[in-house]
Amino acid sequence: MLKKILLTLCIVFGVCYPFVIYAGIKLELIKYVLPTVAAVFLLRLVLSRRQHSEFKVLTCCSLITAAILCIGSAVFNNLKLVLFYPVFVNALFFAIFFLSLYKGDAIITRFAKLTQKEGQLPDFAISYTRKVTVVWSLFFIFNGLIALYTSLSNDIEVWTLYNGLISYILIGCLIAIEFVIRIIIRKSHDS
């Protein structure tokens, strides 16, 4: 039970990463915030090491990278490094989603199969989930480029606003749009 609570707190902390960095900079506590953030990400890595999921490699890579960027920022006294974490995460997601189109089932197809009792999907669903994987790949390019722009902009408010709020809103909108389209496609194939 304690492990689940700690893991949940670490995940929430990770989602709030841009706001934590922003607060550390604005309150001039960044030299204390950076090691704390690195420790939280490493704690999450330890707590989630036995979990099995489609995103285990992605999770491990992103947590290690976040810790390295925080430690590097502290050691080299270069706050720019921590700002590149969202860029890295988008690049990593893009790589995993895009490469899944060329090796076995596309990642969205794999997720869809997990929701089926027999693990099988009709041909139209496989085609659709491949297209959704392409859309997500394009989204990660778009999102990553904007994250890169905000990282290079020298404006911590813009970086925090985009990476801590707007990007999550865009992800939610894409999920909602895909959900509606999925319902329409299912209905057209059920009739």
C-alpha atoms as a PDB file:
ATOM      1  CA  MET A   1       0.000   0.000   0.000  1.00  0.00           C
ATOM      2  CA  LEU A   2       2.798   2.442   0.885  1.00  0.00           C
ATOM      3  CA  LYS A   3       4.568   1.578  -2.361  1.00  0.00           C
ATOM      4  CA  LYS A   4       1.441   2.436  -4.406  1.00  0.00           C
ATOM      5  CA  ILE A   5       1.013   5.731  -2.582  1.00  0.00           C
ATOM      6  CA  LEU A   6       4.662   6.661  -3.126  1.00  0.00           C
ATOM      7  CA  LEU A   7       4.489   5.651  -6.791  1.00  0.00           C
ATOM      8  CA  THR A   8       1.338   7.733  -7.288  1.00  0.00           C
ATOM      9  CA  LEU A   9       2.973  10.744  -5.621  1.00  0.00           C
ATOM     10  CA  CYS A  10       6.047  10.330  -7.843  1.00  0.00           C
ATOM     11  CA  ILE A  11       3.853  10.224 -10.963  1.00  0.00           C
ATOM     12  CA  VAL A  12       1.940  13.344  -9.900  1.00  0.00           C
ATOM     13  CA  PHE A  13       5.261  15.042  -9.155  1.00  0.00           C
ATOM     14  CA  GLY A  14       6.484  14.101 -12.646  1.00  0.00           C
ATOM     15  CA  VAL A  15       3.379  15.553 -14.288  1.00  0.00           C
ATOM     16  CA  CYS A  16       3.967  18.755 -12.319  1.00  0.00           C
ATOM     17  CA  TYR A  17       7.654  18.860 -13.373  1.00  0.00           C
ATOM     18  CA  PRO A  18       7.401  22.179 -15.282  1.00  0.00           C
ATOM     19  CA  PHE A  19       5.731  23.876 -12.316  1.00  0.00           C
ATOM     20  CA  VAL A  20       8.281  22.453  -9.865  1.00  0.00           C
ATOM     21  CA  ILE A  21      11.159  23.755 -12.013  1.00  0.00           C
ATOM     22  CA  TYR A  22       9.396  27.110 -12.434  1.00  0.00           C
ATOM     23  CA  ALA A  23       8.848  27.459  -8.681  1.00  0.00           C
ATOM     24  CA  GLY A  24      12.461  26.503  -7.996  1.00  0.00           C
ATOM     25  CA  ILE A  25      13.714  29.175 -10.369  1.00  0.00           C
ATOM     26  CA  LYS A  26      11.311  31.910  -9.258  1.00  0.00           C
ATOM     27  CA  LEU A  27      11.825  31.246  -5.546  1.00  0.00           C
ATOM     28  CA  GLU A  28      15.597  30.970  -6.059  1.00  0.00           C
ATOM     29  CA  LEU A  29      15.599  27.479  -4.591  1.00  0.00           C
ATOM     30  CA  ILE A  30      16.627  25.668  -7.758  1.00  0.00           C
ATOM     31  CA  LYS A  31      19.871  24.357  -6.234  1.00  0.00           C
ATOM     32  CA  TYR A  32      17.700  22.415  -3.756  1.00  0.00           C
ATOM     33  CA  VAL A  33      14.923  21.588  -6.199  1.00  0.00           C
ATOM     34  CA  LEU A  34      17.172  19.930  -8.795  1.00  0.00           C
ATOM     35  CA  PRO A  35      18.551  17.173  -6.506  1.00  0.00           C
ATOM     36  CA  THR A  36      15.047  16.653  -5.083  1.00  0.00           C
ATOM     37  CA  VAL A  37      13.554  16.235  -8.550  1.00  0.00           C
ATOM     38  CA  ALA A  38      16.349  13.825  -9.515  1.00  0.00           C
ATOM     39  CA  ALA A  39      15.753  11.825  -6.322  1.00  0.00           C
ATOM     40  CA  VAL A  40      11.986  11.628  -6.962  1.00  0.00           C
ATOM     41  CA  PHE A  41      12.513  10.401 -10.525  1.00  0.00           C
ATOM     42  CA  LEU A  42      15.027   7.791  -9.338  1.00  0.00           C
ATOM     43  CA  LEU A  43      12.630   6.721  -6.571  1.00  0.00           C
ATOM     44  CA  ARG A  44       9.912   6.244  -9.178  1.00  0.00           C
ATOM     45  CA  LEU A  45      12.338   4.180 -11.245  1.00  0.00           C
ATOM     46  CA  VAL A  46      13.042   1.907  -8.265  1.00  0.00           C
ATOM     47  CA  LEU A  47       9.359   1.641  -7.313  1.00  0.00           C
ATOM     48  CA  SER A  48       8.246   0.764 -10.839  1.00  0.00           C
ATOM     49  CA  ARG A  49      11.039  -1.640 -11.790  1.00  0.00           C
ATOM     50  CA  ARG A  50       8.862  -4.742 -11.312  1.00  0.00           C
ATOM     51  CA  GLN A  51       5.875  -3.373 -13.177  1.00  0.00           C
ATOM     52  CA  HIS A  52       5.211  -4.771 -16.620  1.00  0.00           C
ATOM     53  CA  SER A  53       3.751  -2.480 -19.237  1.00  0.00           C
ATOM     54  CA  GLU A  54       4.043  -1.534 -22.883  1.00  0.00           C
ATOM     55  CA  PHE A  55       5.848   1.604 -21.797  1.00  0.00           C
ATOM     56  CA  LYS A  56       8.406   0.111 -19.390  1.00  0.00           C
ATOM     57  CA  VAL A  57      11.409   1.011 -21.578  1.00  0.00           C
ATOM     58  CA  LEU A  58       9.991   4.460 -22.241  1.00  0.00           C
ATOM     59  CA  THR A  59       9.381   5.034 -18.541  1.00  0.00           C
ATOM     60  CA  CYS A  60      12.875   3.887 -17.550  1.00  0.00           C
ATOM     61  CA  CYS A  61      14.586   5.975 -20.232  1.00  0.00           C
ATOM     62  CA  SER A  62      12.595   9.107 -19.424  1.00  0.00           C
ATOM     63  CA  LEU A  63      13.145   8.794 -15.658  1.00  0.00           C
ATOM     64  CA  ILE A  64      16.883   8.248 -16.023  1.00  0.00           C
ATOM     65  CA  THR A  65      17.125  11.137 -18.480  1.00  0.00           C
ATOM     66  CA  ALA A  66      15.198  13.461 -16.162  1.00  0.00           C
ATOM     67  CA  ALA A  67      17.527  12.575 -13.294  1.00  0.00           C
ATOM     68  CA  ILE A  68      20.616  13.099 -15.480  1.00  0.00           C
ATOM     69  CA  LEU A  69      19.329  16.468 -16.729  1.00  0.00           C
ATOM     70  CA  CYS A  70      18.628  17.626 -13.167  1.00  0.00           C
ATOM     71  CA  ILE A  71      21.997  16.462 -11.880  1.00  0.00           C
ATOM     72  CA  GLY A  72      23.747  17.937 -14.928  1.00  0.00           C
ATOM     73  CA  SER A  73      21.973  21.255 -14.428  1.00  0.00           C
ATOM     74  CA  ALA A  74      23.055  21.334 -10.783  1.00  0.00           C
ATOM     75  CA  VAL A  75      26.659  20.277 -11.425  1.00  0.00           C
ATOM     76  CA  PHE A  76      27.230  22.579 -14.410  1.00  0.00           C
ATOM     77  CA  ASN A  77      25.013  25.360 -13.045  1.00  0.00           C
ATOM     78  CA  ASN A  78      23.112  25.381 -16.349  1.00  0.00           C
ATOM     79  CA  LEU A  79      19.344  25.593 -15.964  1.00  0.00           C
ATOM     80  CA  LYS A  80      18.823  25.158 -19.717  1.00  0.00           C
ATOM     81  CA  LEU A  81      19.405  21.422 -19.364  1.00  0.00           C
ATOM     82  CA  VAL A  82      16.274  20.782 -17.280  1.00  0.00           C
ATOM     83  CA  LEU A  83      14.167  22.630 -19.813  1.00  0.00           C
ATOM     84  CA  PHE A  84      14.942  20.031 -22.476  1.00  0.00           C
ATOM     85  CA  TYR A  85      13.229  17.172 -20.629  1.00  0.00           C
ATOM     86  CA  PRO A  86       9.862  17.636 -22.436  1.00  0.00           C
ATOM     87  CA  VAL A  87      11.717  17.693 -25.766  1.00  0.00           C
ATOM     88  CA  PHE A  88      13.388  14.394 -24.925  1.00  0.00           C
ATOM     89  CA  VAL A  89      10.107  12.782 -23.813  1.00  0.00           C
ATOM     90  CA  ASN A  90       8.377  13.783 -27.050  1.00  0.00           C
ATOM     91  CA  ALA A  91      11.300  12.492 -29.114  1.00  0.00           C
ATOM     92  CA  LEU A  92      11.229   9.203 -27.220  1.00  0.00           C
ATOM     93  CA  PHE A  93       7.460   8.802 -27.646  1.00  0.00           C
ATOM     94  CA  PHE A  94       7.793   9.638 -31.332  1.00  0.00           C
ATOM     95  CA  ALA A  95      10.508   7.013 -31.772  1.00  0.00           C
ATOM     96  CA  ILE A  96       8.510   4.292 -30.030  1.00  0.00           C
ATOM     97  CA  PHE A  97       5.245   5.058 -31.833  1.00  0.00           C
ATOM     98  CA  PHE A  98       6.847   5.551 -35.254  1.00  0.00           C
ATOM     99  CA  LEU A  99       9.114   2.506 -35.063  1.00  0.00           C
ATOM    100  CA  SER A 100       6.176   0.344 -33.976  1.00  0.00           C
ATOM    101  CA  LEU A 101       4.704   0.934 -37.434  1.00  0.00           C
ATOM    102  CA  TYR A 102       7.565  -1.082 -38.925  1.00  0.00           C
ATOM    103  CA  LYS A 103       8.014  -3.885 -36.398  1.00  0.00           C
ATOM    104  CA  GLY A 104       5.063  -6.063 -35.505  1.00  0.00           C
ATOM    105  CA  ASP A 105       1.810  -4.426 -34.500  1.00  0.00           C
ATOM    106  CA  ALA A 106       1.611  -0.658 -34.187  1.00  0.00           C
ATOM    107  CA  ILE A 107       1.594   0.421 -30.567  1.00  0.00           C
ATOM    108  CA  ILE A 108      -2.050   1.567 -30.617  1.00  0.00           C
ATOM    109  CA  THR A 109      -2.954  -1.796 -32.170  1.00  0.00           C
ATOM    110  CA  ARG A 110      -1.239  -3.528 -29.246  1.00  0.00           C
ATOM    111  CA  PHE A 111      -3.226  -1.444 -26.770  1.00  0.00           C
ATOM    112  CA  ALA A 112      -6.466  -2.189 -28.603  1.00  0.00           C
ATOM    113  CA  LYS A 113      -5.701  -5.922 -28.540  1.00  0.00           C
ATOM    114  CA  LEU A 114      -5.230  -5.762 -24.774  1.00  0.00           C
ATOM    115  CA  THR A 115      -8.868  -4.675 -24.450  1.00  0.00           C
ATOM    116  CA  GLN A 116     -10.156  -7.669 -26.441  1.00  0.00           C
ATOM    117  CA  LYS A 117     -10.861 -10.995 -24.751  1.00  0.00           C
ATOM    118  CA  GLU A 118      -9.273 -13.020 -27.531  1.00  0.00           C
ATOM    119  CA  GLY A 119      -6.633 -10.408 -28.282  1.00  0.00           C
ATOM    120  CA  GLN A 120      -7.822 -10.234 -31.883  1.00  0.00           C
ATOM    121  CA  LEU A 121      -9.045  -7.258 -33.864  1.00  0.00           C
ATOM    122  CA  PRO A 122     -10.970  -7.120 -37.134  1.00  0.00           C
ATOM    123  CA  ASP A 123      -9.036  -5.892 -40.168  1.00  0.00           C
ATOM    124  CA  PHE A 124     -10.723  -2.464 -40.161  1.00  0.00           C
ATOM    125  CA  ALA A 125      -9.654  -1.958 -36.527  1.00  0.00           C
ATOM    126  CA  ILE A 126      -6.046  -2.874 -37.282  1.00  0.00           C
ATOM    127  CA  SER A 127      -6.005  -0.398 -40.161  1.00  0.00           C
ATOM    128  CA  TYR A 128      -7.602   2.270 -37.970  1.00  0.00           C
ATOM    129  CA  THR A 129      -5.197   1.762 -35.050  1.00  0.00           C
ATOM    130  CA  ARG A 130      -2.227   2.020 -37.414  1.00  0.00           C
ATOM    131  CA  LYS A 131      -3.567   5.371 -38.623  1.00  0.00           C
ATOM    132  CA  VAL A 132      -4.027   6.511 -35.022  1.00  0.00           C
ATOM    133  CA  THR A 133      -0.401   5.552 -34.337  1.00  0.00           C
ATOM    134  CA  VAL A 134       0.655   7.730 -37.283  1.00  0.00           C
ATOM    135  CA  VAL A 135      -1.409  10.640 -35.924  1.00  0.00           C
ATOM    136  CA  TRP A 136       0.220  10.287 -32.493  1.00  0.00           C
ATOM    137  CA  SER A 137       3.657  10.133 -34.131  1.00  0.00           C
ATOM    138  CA  LEU A 138       2.931  13.420 -35.928  1.00  0.00           C
ATOM    139  CA  PHE A 139       1.607  14.911 -32.699  1.00  0.00           C
ATOM    140  CA  PHE A 140       4.843  14.052 -30.873  1.00  0.00           C
ATOM    141  CA  ILE A 141       6.859  15.776 -33.611  1.00  0.00           C
ATOM    142  CA  PHE A 142       4.657  18.879 -33.361  1.00  0.00           C
ATOM    143  CA  ASN A 143       4.635  18.870 -29.556  1.00  0.00           C
ATOM    144  CA  GLY A 144       8.374  18.232 -29.381  1.00  0.00           C
ATOM    145  CA  LEU A 145       9.151  21.109 -31.732  1.00  0.00           C
ATOM    146  CA  ILE A 146       7.076  23.506 -29.662  1.00  0.00           C
ATOM    147  CA  ALA A 147       8.725  22.168 -26.487  1.00  0.00           C
ATOM    148  CA  LEU A 148      12.106  22.790 -28.140  1.00  0.00           C
ATOM    149  CA  TYR A 149      11.080  26.322 -29.075  1.00  0.00           C
ATOM    150  CA  THR A 150       9.980  27.041 -25.498  1.00  0.00           C
ATOM    151  CA  SER A 151      13.232  25.562 -24.162  1.00  0.00           C
ATOM    152  CA  LEU A 152      15.259  27.902 -26.357  1.00  0.00           C
ATOM    153  CA  SER A 153      13.037  30.950 -25.820  1.00  0.00           C
ATOM    154  CA  ASN A 154      14.648  32.073 -22.531  1.00  0.00           C
ATOM    155  CA  ASP A 155      11.136  32.642 -21.173  1.00  0.00           C
ATOM    156  CA  ILE A 156      10.425  30.357 -18.211  1.00  0.00           C
ATOM    157  CA  GLU A 157       6.779  31.451 -18.102  1.00  0.00           C
ATOM    158  CA  VAL A 158       6.187  30.398 -21.725  1.00  0.00           C
ATOM    159  CA  TRP A 159       8.063  27.129 -21.141  1.00  0.00           C
ATOM    160  CA  THR A 160       6.017  26.357 -18.028  1.00  0.00           C
ATOM    161  CA  LEU A 161       2.696  27.334 -19.575  1.00  0.00           C
ATOM    162  CA  TYR A 162       3.204  25.212 -22.682  1.00  0.00           C
ATOM    163  CA  ASN A 163       4.899  22.171 -21.155  1.00  0.00           C
ATOM    164  CA  GLY A 164       2.909  22.175 -17.914  1.00  0.00           C
ATOM    165  CA  LEU A 165      -0.545  22.994 -19.238  1.00  0.00           C
ATOM    166  CA  ILE A 166      -1.098  23.560 -22.956  1.00  0.00           C
ATOM    167  CA  SER A 167       0.602  20.320 -24.062  1.00  0.00           C
ATOM    168  CA  TYR A 168      -1.606  18.337 -21.657  1.00  0.00           C
ATOM    169  CA  ILE A 169      -4.702  20.099 -22.991  1.00  0.00           C
ATOM    170  CA  LEU A 170      -3.640  19.216 -26.544  1.00  0.00           C
ATOM    171  CA  ILE A 171      -3.114  15.576 -25.533  1.00  0.00           C
ATOM    172  CA  GLY A 172      -6.575  15.524 -23.937  1.00  0.00           C
ATOM    173  CA  CYS A 173      -8.136  17.054 -27.056  1.00  0.00           C
ATOM    174  CA  LEU A 174      -6.469  14.488 -29.299  1.00  0.00           C
ATOM    175  CA  ILE A 175      -7.658  11.654 -27.053  1.00  0.00           C
ATOM    176  CA  ALA A 176     -11.225  13.052 -27.069  1.00  0.00           C
ATOM    177  CA  ILE A 177     -11.283  13.527 -30.852  1.00  0.00           C
ATOM    178  CA  GLU A 178      -9.919  10.017 -31.417  1.00  0.00           C
ATOM    179  CA  PHE A 179     -12.525   8.578 -29.037  1.00  0.00           C
ATOM    180  CA  VAL A 180     -15.378  10.195 -30.992  1.00  0.00           C
ATOM    181  CA  ILE A 181     -13.947   9.061 -34.324  1.00  0.00           C
ATOM    182  CA  ARG A 182     -13.504   5.532 -32.958  1.00  0.00           C
ATOM    183  CA  ILE A 183     -17.179   5.397 -31.949  1.00  0.00           C
ATOM    184  CA  ILE A 184     -18.256   6.574 -35.409  1.00  0.00           C
ATOM    185  CA  ILE A 185     -16.035   4.006 -37.155  1.00  0.00           C
ATOM    186  CA  ARG A 186     -17.286   1.192 -34.908  1.00  0.00           C
ATOM    187  CA  LYS A 187     -20.902   2.093 -35.617  1.00  0.00           C
ATOM    188  CA  SER A 188     -20.275   2.210 -39.363  1.00  0.00           C
ATOM    189  CA  HIS A 189     -18.789  -1.313 -39.244  1.00  0.00           C
ATOM    190  CA  ASP A 190     -21.416  -2.733 -36.866  1.00  0.00           C
ATOM    191  CA  SER A 191     -24.310  -1.799 -39.129  1.00  0.00           C
END
